[in-house]
Amino acid sequence: LSLPGASAETVSKSYSYFSVRGTTLEQLDDELQRRGPRVKTTGQRHPGATQMQFRTRLGYGEKDGRCLVTEAKVTVEAKVILPRWRQRARADQDTRLVWDALSSDIKRHENHHVEIARDYARQIERKLLRLGRHKDCNAAAAKAKLTVDKLLAKHDRAQMKFDKVESKNFEK
């Protein structure tokens, strides 16, 4: 299989929104908890979420009777889910100000999840291209799968660590 040469990772990002209603901070908080996206890892609703899928395409080649990864392309498809406030015009100025800060922080937080994924996509590409030679392409493919699986597990831990740190900082 021959694919385009190794390149920098590709991230595609899309946004979708869920509506929240209310004119007070308490009402908005209730809406975020009631209507926010449910995150699989926690089973709970959150004020925002990012769904990601990694796709890895590899090219193999033979050299001196041995098989190696010659090309690697990792793409990340990210869907960012954010709140959209529907009753802004009916709320007071202080509520709008707090919402603007909160909404901006939710978007920053979710976009940072995408950046973490981008960093891991780069790492996966680099590691795959450095796997070395194997007795055959089945062995190279098995090593590539193991490498991707390990790095994706590490990625998941990095995402959870980020959420844990952010949660502590938010509480402060």
C-alpha atoms as a PDB file:
ATOM      1  CA  LEU A   1       0.000   0.000   0.000  1.00  0.00           C
ATOM      2  CA  SER A   2       1.417   3.331  -0.970  1.00  0.00           C
ATOM      3  CA  LEU A   3       0.016   6.551   0.439  1.00  0.00           C
ATOM      4  CA  PRO A   4       1.132  10.176   0.340  1.00  0.00           C
ATOM      5  CA  GLY A   5       4.303  10.824   2.327  1.00  0.00           C
ATOM      6  CA  ALA A   6       4.396  11.509   6.034  1.00  0.00           C
ATOM      7  CA  SER A   7       3.112  14.939   6.809  1.00  0.00           C
ATOM      8  CA  ALA A   8       2.098  17.067   9.693  1.00  0.00           C
ATOM      9  CA  GLU A   9      -1.078  15.882  11.328  1.00  0.00           C
ATOM     10  CA  THR A  10      -4.451  17.099  10.188  1.00  0.00           C
ATOM     11  CA  VAL A  11      -7.203  18.256  12.518  1.00  0.00           C
ATOM     12  CA  SER A  12     -10.701  18.980  11.333  1.00  0.00           C
ATOM     13  CA  LYS A  13     -12.862  20.786  13.840  1.00  0.00           C
ATOM     14  CA  SER A  14     -16.575  21.416  13.741  1.00  0.00           C
ATOM     15  CA  TYR A  15     -18.891  23.081  16.197  1.00  0.00           C
ATOM     16  CA  SER A  16     -22.404  22.258  17.301  1.00  0.00           C
ATOM     17  CA  TYR A  17     -24.507  23.937  19.937  1.00  0.00           C
ATOM     18  CA  PHE A  18     -27.154  23.150  22.508  1.00  0.00           C
ATOM     19  CA  SER A  19     -29.579  25.796  23.736  1.00  0.00           C
ATOM     20  CA  VAL A  20     -29.797  27.107  27.272  1.00  0.00           C
ATOM     21  CA  ARG A  21     -32.522  29.400  28.546  1.00  0.00           C
ATOM     22  CA  GLY A  22     -32.880  31.604  31.566  1.00  0.00           C
ATOM     23  CA  THR A  23     -32.287  35.142  32.712  1.00  0.00           C
ATOM     24  CA  THR A  24     -30.341  34.539  35.940  1.00  0.00           C
ATOM     25  CA  LEU A  25     -27.046  32.822  36.629  1.00  0.00           C
ATOM     26  CA  GLU A  26     -28.832  30.188  38.690  1.00  0.00           C
ATOM     27  CA  GLN A  27     -31.192  29.392  35.812  1.00  0.00           C
ATOM     28  CA  LEU A  28     -28.292  29.208  33.357  1.00  0.00           C
ATOM     29  CA  ASP A  29     -26.332  26.929  35.682  1.00  0.00           C
ATOM     30  CA  ASP A  30     -29.365  24.629  36.010  1.00  0.00           C
ATOM     31  CA  GLU A  31     -29.756  24.564  32.218  1.00  0.00           C
ATOM     32  CA  LEU A  32     -26.082  23.701  31.679  1.00  0.00           C
ATOM     33  CA  GLN A  33     -26.385  20.819  34.145  1.00  0.00           C
ATOM     34  CA  ARG A  34     -29.666  19.619  32.651  1.00  0.00           C
ATOM     35  CA  ARG A  35     -28.999  20.104  28.920  1.00  0.00           C
ATOM     36  CA  GLY A  36     -25.217  19.932  28.540  1.00  0.00           C
ATOM     37  CA  PRO A  37     -23.685  17.054  26.582  1.00  0.00           C
ATOM     38  CA  ARG A  38     -23.233  13.796  28.479  1.00  0.00           C
ATOM     39  CA  VAL A  39     -19.580  12.758  28.487  1.00  0.00           C
ATOM     40  CA  LYS A  40     -18.988   9.009  28.166  1.00  0.00           C
ATOM     41  CA  THR A  41     -15.955   8.898  30.452  1.00  0.00           C
ATOM     42  CA  THR A  42     -17.828  10.449  33.391  1.00  0.00           C
ATOM     43  CA  GLY A  43     -21.433   9.633  32.524  1.00  0.00           C
ATOM     44  CA  GLN A  44     -22.273  13.179  33.591  1.00  0.00           C
ATOM     45  CA  ARG A  45     -23.426  16.266  31.756  1.00  0.00           C
ATOM     46  CA  HIS A  46     -20.922  19.051  31.167  1.00  0.00           C
ATOM     47  CA  PRO A  47     -21.204  22.666  29.981  1.00  0.00           C
ATOM     48  CA  GLY A  48     -19.260  21.708  26.852  1.00  0.00           C
ATOM     49  CA  ALA A  49     -17.651  18.638  25.315  1.00  0.00           C
ATOM     50  CA  THR A  50     -15.360  17.565  22.526  1.00  0.00           C
ATOM     51  CA  GLN A  51     -15.808  14.295  20.673  1.00  0.00           C
ATOM     52  CA  MET A  52     -12.682  13.109  18.883  1.00  0.00           C
ATOM     53  CA  GLN A  53     -11.810  10.375  16.491  1.00  0.00           C
ATOM     54  CA  PHE A  54      -8.262   9.525  15.409  1.00  0.00           C
ATOM     55  CA  ARG A  55      -7.694   7.967  11.997  1.00  0.00           C
ATOM     56  CA  THR A  56      -4.331   6.471  11.086  1.00  0.00           C
ATOM     57  CA  ARG A  57      -3.282   5.646   7.536  1.00  0.00           C
ATOM     58  CA  LEU A  58      -0.027   3.836   6.940  1.00  0.00           C
ATOM     59  CA  GLY A  59       2.135   2.966   3.978  1.00  0.00           C
ATOM     60  CA  TYR A  60       4.540   0.022   4.106  1.00  0.00           C
ATOM     61  CA  GLY A  61       7.576  -0.768   2.055  1.00  0.00           C
ATOM     62  CA  GLU A  62      10.210  -3.456   1.845  1.00  0.00           C
ATOM     63  CA  LYS A  63      13.910  -2.901   2.038  1.00  0.00           C
ATOM     64  CA  ASP A  64      16.492  -5.699   2.023  1.00  0.00           C
ATOM     65  CA  GLY A  65      13.757  -8.281   2.564  1.00  0.00           C
ATOM     66  CA  ARG A  66      12.371  -6.494   5.634  1.00  0.00           C
ATOM     67  CA  CYS A  67       9.167  -4.465   6.007  1.00  0.00           C
ATOM     68  CA  LEU A  68       8.852  -1.015   7.521  1.00  0.00           C
ATOM     69  CA  VAL A  69       6.393   1.829   7.818  1.00  0.00           C
ATOM     70  CA  THR A  70       7.324   4.277   5.099  1.00  0.00           C
ATOM     71  CA  GLU A  71       4.419   6.688   5.406  1.00  0.00           C
ATOM     72  CA  ALA A  72       2.134   7.710   8.277  1.00  0.00           C
ATOM     73  CA  LYS A  73      -0.792  10.098   8.337  1.00  0.00           C
ATOM     74  CA  VAL A  74      -2.839  10.716  11.477  1.00  0.00           C
ATOM     75  CA  THR A  75      -6.000  12.786  11.321  1.00  0.00           C
ATOM     76  CA  VAL A  76      -8.164  13.942  14.182  1.00  0.00           C
ATOM     77  CA  GLU A  77     -11.817  14.712  13.657  1.00  0.00           C
ATOM     78  CA  ALA A  78     -13.042  16.894  16.523  1.00  0.00           C
ATOM     79  CA  LYS A  79     -16.620  17.918  17.166  1.00  0.00           C
ATOM     80  CA  VAL A  80     -16.835  20.681  19.786  1.00  0.00           C
ATOM     81  CA  ILE A  81     -20.203  21.012  21.529  1.00  0.00           C
ATOM     82  CA  LEU A  82     -20.895  24.381  23.165  1.00  0.00           C
ATOM     83  CA  PRO A  83     -23.831  26.130  24.849  1.00  0.00           C
ATOM     84  CA  ARG A  84     -25.806  28.881  23.130  1.00  0.00           C
ATOM     85  CA  TRP A  85     -27.784  31.226  25.359  1.00  0.00           C
ATOM     86  CA  ARG A  86     -31.225  32.010  23.953  1.00  0.00           C
ATOM     87  CA  GLN A  87     -32.539  34.685  26.353  1.00  0.00           C
ATOM     88  CA  ARG A  88     -29.576  37.038  26.558  1.00  0.00           C
ATOM     89  CA  ALA A  89     -31.582  40.201  25.751  1.00  0.00           C
ATOM     90  CA  ARG A  90     -33.877  39.620  28.741  1.00  0.00           C
ATOM     91  CA  ALA A  91     -31.046  39.317  31.298  1.00  0.00           C
ATOM     92  CA  ASP A  92     -29.341  42.100  33.220  1.00  0.00           C
ATOM     93  CA  GLN A  93     -25.901  43.440  32.333  1.00  0.00           C
ATOM     94  CA  ASP A  94     -24.100  41.594  35.172  1.00  0.00           C
ATOM     95  CA  THR A  95     -25.555  38.250  34.102  1.00  0.00           C
ATOM     96  CA  ARG A  96     -24.521  38.892  30.496  1.00  0.00           C
ATOM     97  CA  LEU A  97     -20.997  39.815  31.617  1.00  0.00           C
ATOM     98  CA  VAL A  98     -20.599  36.631  33.680  1.00  0.00           C
ATOM     99  CA  TRP A  99     -22.070  34.525  30.854  1.00  0.00           C
ATOM    100  CA  ASP A 100     -19.642  36.007  28.349  1.00  0.00           C
ATOM    101  CA  ALA A 101     -16.689  35.095  30.576  1.00  0.00           C
ATOM    102  CA  LEU A 102     -18.050  31.608  31.261  1.00  0.00           C
ATOM    103  CA  SER A 103     -18.914  30.931  27.615  1.00  0.00           C
ATOM    104  CA  SER A 104     -15.472  32.058  26.498  1.00  0.00           C
ATOM    105  CA  ASP A 105     -13.816  29.835  29.088  1.00  0.00           C
ATOM    106  CA  ILE A 106     -15.867  26.796  28.033  1.00  0.00           C
ATOM    107  CA  LYS A 107     -14.788  27.328  24.414  1.00  0.00           C
ATOM    108  CA  ARG A 108     -11.128  27.814  25.435  1.00  0.00           C
ATOM    109  CA  HIS A 109     -11.269  24.630  27.502  1.00  0.00           C
ATOM    110  CA  GLU A 110     -12.757  22.539  24.684  1.00  0.00           C
ATOM    111  CA  ASN A 111     -10.309  23.932  22.122  1.00  0.00           C
ATOM    112  CA  HIS A 112      -7.437  22.956  24.422  1.00  0.00           C
ATOM    113  CA  HIS A 113      -8.692  19.361  24.265  1.00  0.00           C
ATOM    114  CA  VAL A 114      -8.289  19.596  20.481  1.00  0.00           C
ATOM    115  CA  GLU A 115      -4.729  20.900  20.913  1.00  0.00           C
ATOM    116  CA  ILE A 116      -3.877  17.953  23.161  1.00  0.00           C
ATOM    117  CA  ALA A 117      -5.179  15.630  20.442  1.00  0.00           C
ATOM    118  CA  ARG A 118      -3.123  17.484  17.812  1.00  0.00           C
ATOM    119  CA  ASP A 119       0.032  16.966  19.884  1.00  0.00           C
ATOM    120  CA  TYR A 120      -0.663  13.247  20.199  1.00  0.00           C
ATOM    121  CA  ALA A 121      -1.349  12.956  16.471  1.00  0.00           C
ATOM    122  CA  ARG A 122       2.151  14.356  15.872  1.00  0.00           C
ATOM    123  CA  GLN A 123       3.649  11.912  18.361  1.00  0.00           C
ATOM    124  CA  ILE A 124       1.866   8.968  16.744  1.00  0.00           C
ATOM    125  CA  GLU A 125       3.150   9.909  13.281  1.00  0.00           C
ATOM    126  CA  ARG A 126       6.737  10.293  14.530  1.00  0.00           C
ATOM    127  CA  LYS A 127       6.704   7.011  16.466  1.00  0.00           C
ATOM    128  CA  LEU A 128       5.217   5.069  13.559  1.00  0.00           C
ATOM    129  CA  LEU A 129       7.913   6.289  11.205  1.00  0.00           C
ATOM    130  CA  ARG A 130      10.599   5.191  13.677  1.00  0.00           C
ATOM    131  CA  LEU A 131       9.392   1.637  14.230  1.00  0.00           C
ATOM    132  CA  GLY A 132      12.263   0.149  12.255  1.00  0.00           C
ATOM    133  CA  ARG A 133      12.339  -2.962  10.092  1.00  0.00           C
ATOM    134  CA  HIS A 134      10.340  -6.131  10.703  1.00  0.00           C
ATOM    135  CA  LYS A 135      10.482  -9.645   9.278  1.00  0.00           C
ATOM    136  CA  ASP A 136       7.326  -9.002   7.247  1.00  0.00           C
ATOM    137  CA  CYS A 137       4.556  -6.433   6.827  1.00  0.00           C
ATOM    138  CA  ASN A 138       2.185  -8.337   9.117  1.00  0.00           C
ATOM    139  CA  ALA A 139       4.700  -7.949  11.928  1.00  0.00           C
ATOM    140  CA  ALA A 140       5.164  -4.252  11.072  1.00  0.00           C
ATOM    141  CA  ALA A 141       1.389  -3.738  11.097  1.00  0.00           C
ATOM    142  CA  ALA A 142       1.074  -5.486  14.469  1.00  0.00           C
ATOM    143  CA  LYS A 143       3.809  -3.277  15.938  1.00  0.00           C
ATOM    144  CA  ALA A 144       2.143  -0.186  14.449  1.00  0.00           C
ATOM    145  CA  LYS A 145      -1.217  -1.128  16.009  1.00  0.00           C
ATOM    146  CA  LEU A 146       0.390  -1.695  19.400  1.00  0.00           C
ATOM    147  CA  THR A 147       2.165   1.669  19.156  1.00  0.00           C
ATOM    148  CA  VAL A 148      -1.029   3.518  18.206  1.00  0.00           C
ATOM    149  CA  ASP A 149      -3.017   1.804  20.973  1.00  0.00           C
ATOM    150  CA  LYS A 150      -0.426   2.730  23.615  1.00  0.00           C
ATOM    151  CA  LEU A 151      -0.252   6.347  22.498  1.00  0.00           C
ATOM    152  CA  LEU A 152      -4.035   6.690  22.345  1.00  0.00           C
ATOM    153  CA  ALA A 153      -4.277   5.359  25.906  1.00  0.00           C
ATOM    154  CA  LYS A 154      -1.652   7.916  26.928  1.00  0.00           C
ATOM    155  CA  HIS A 155      -3.680  10.589  25.073  1.00  0.00           C
ATOM    156  CA  ASP A 156      -6.807   9.629  27.021  1.00  0.00           C
ATOM    157  CA  ARG A 157      -4.912   9.944  30.312  1.00  0.00           C
ATOM    158  CA  ALA A 158      -3.592  13.372  29.273  1.00  0.00           C
ATOM    159  CA  GLN A 159      -7.140  14.513  28.486  1.00  0.00           C
ATOM    160  CA  MET A 160      -8.393  13.315  31.874  1.00  0.00           C
ATOM    161  CA  LYS A 161      -5.477  14.988  33.650  1.00  0.00           C
ATOM    162  CA  PHE A 162      -6.262  18.264  31.877  1.00  0.00           C
ATOM    163  CA  ASP A 163      -9.892  18.052  33.011  1.00  0.00           C
ATOM    164  CA  LYS A 164      -8.843  17.298  36.582  1.00  0.00           C
ATOM    165  CA  VAL A 165      -6.464  20.281  36.713  1.00  0.00           C
ATOM    166  CA  GLU A 166      -9.035  22.569  35.091  1.00  0.00           C
ATOM    167  CA  SER A 167     -11.691  21.425  37.534  1.00  0.00           C
ATOM    168  CA  LYS A 168      -9.492  22.272  40.520  1.00  0.00           C
ATOM    169  CA  ASN A 169      -8.604  25.671  39.042  1.00  0.00           C
ATOM    170  CA  PHE A 170     -12.268  26.409  38.292  1.00  0.00           C
ATOM    171  CA  GLU A 171     -13.262  25.671  41.881  1.00  0.00           C
ATOM    172  CA  LYS A 172     -10.618  28.148  43.106  1.00  0.00           C
END
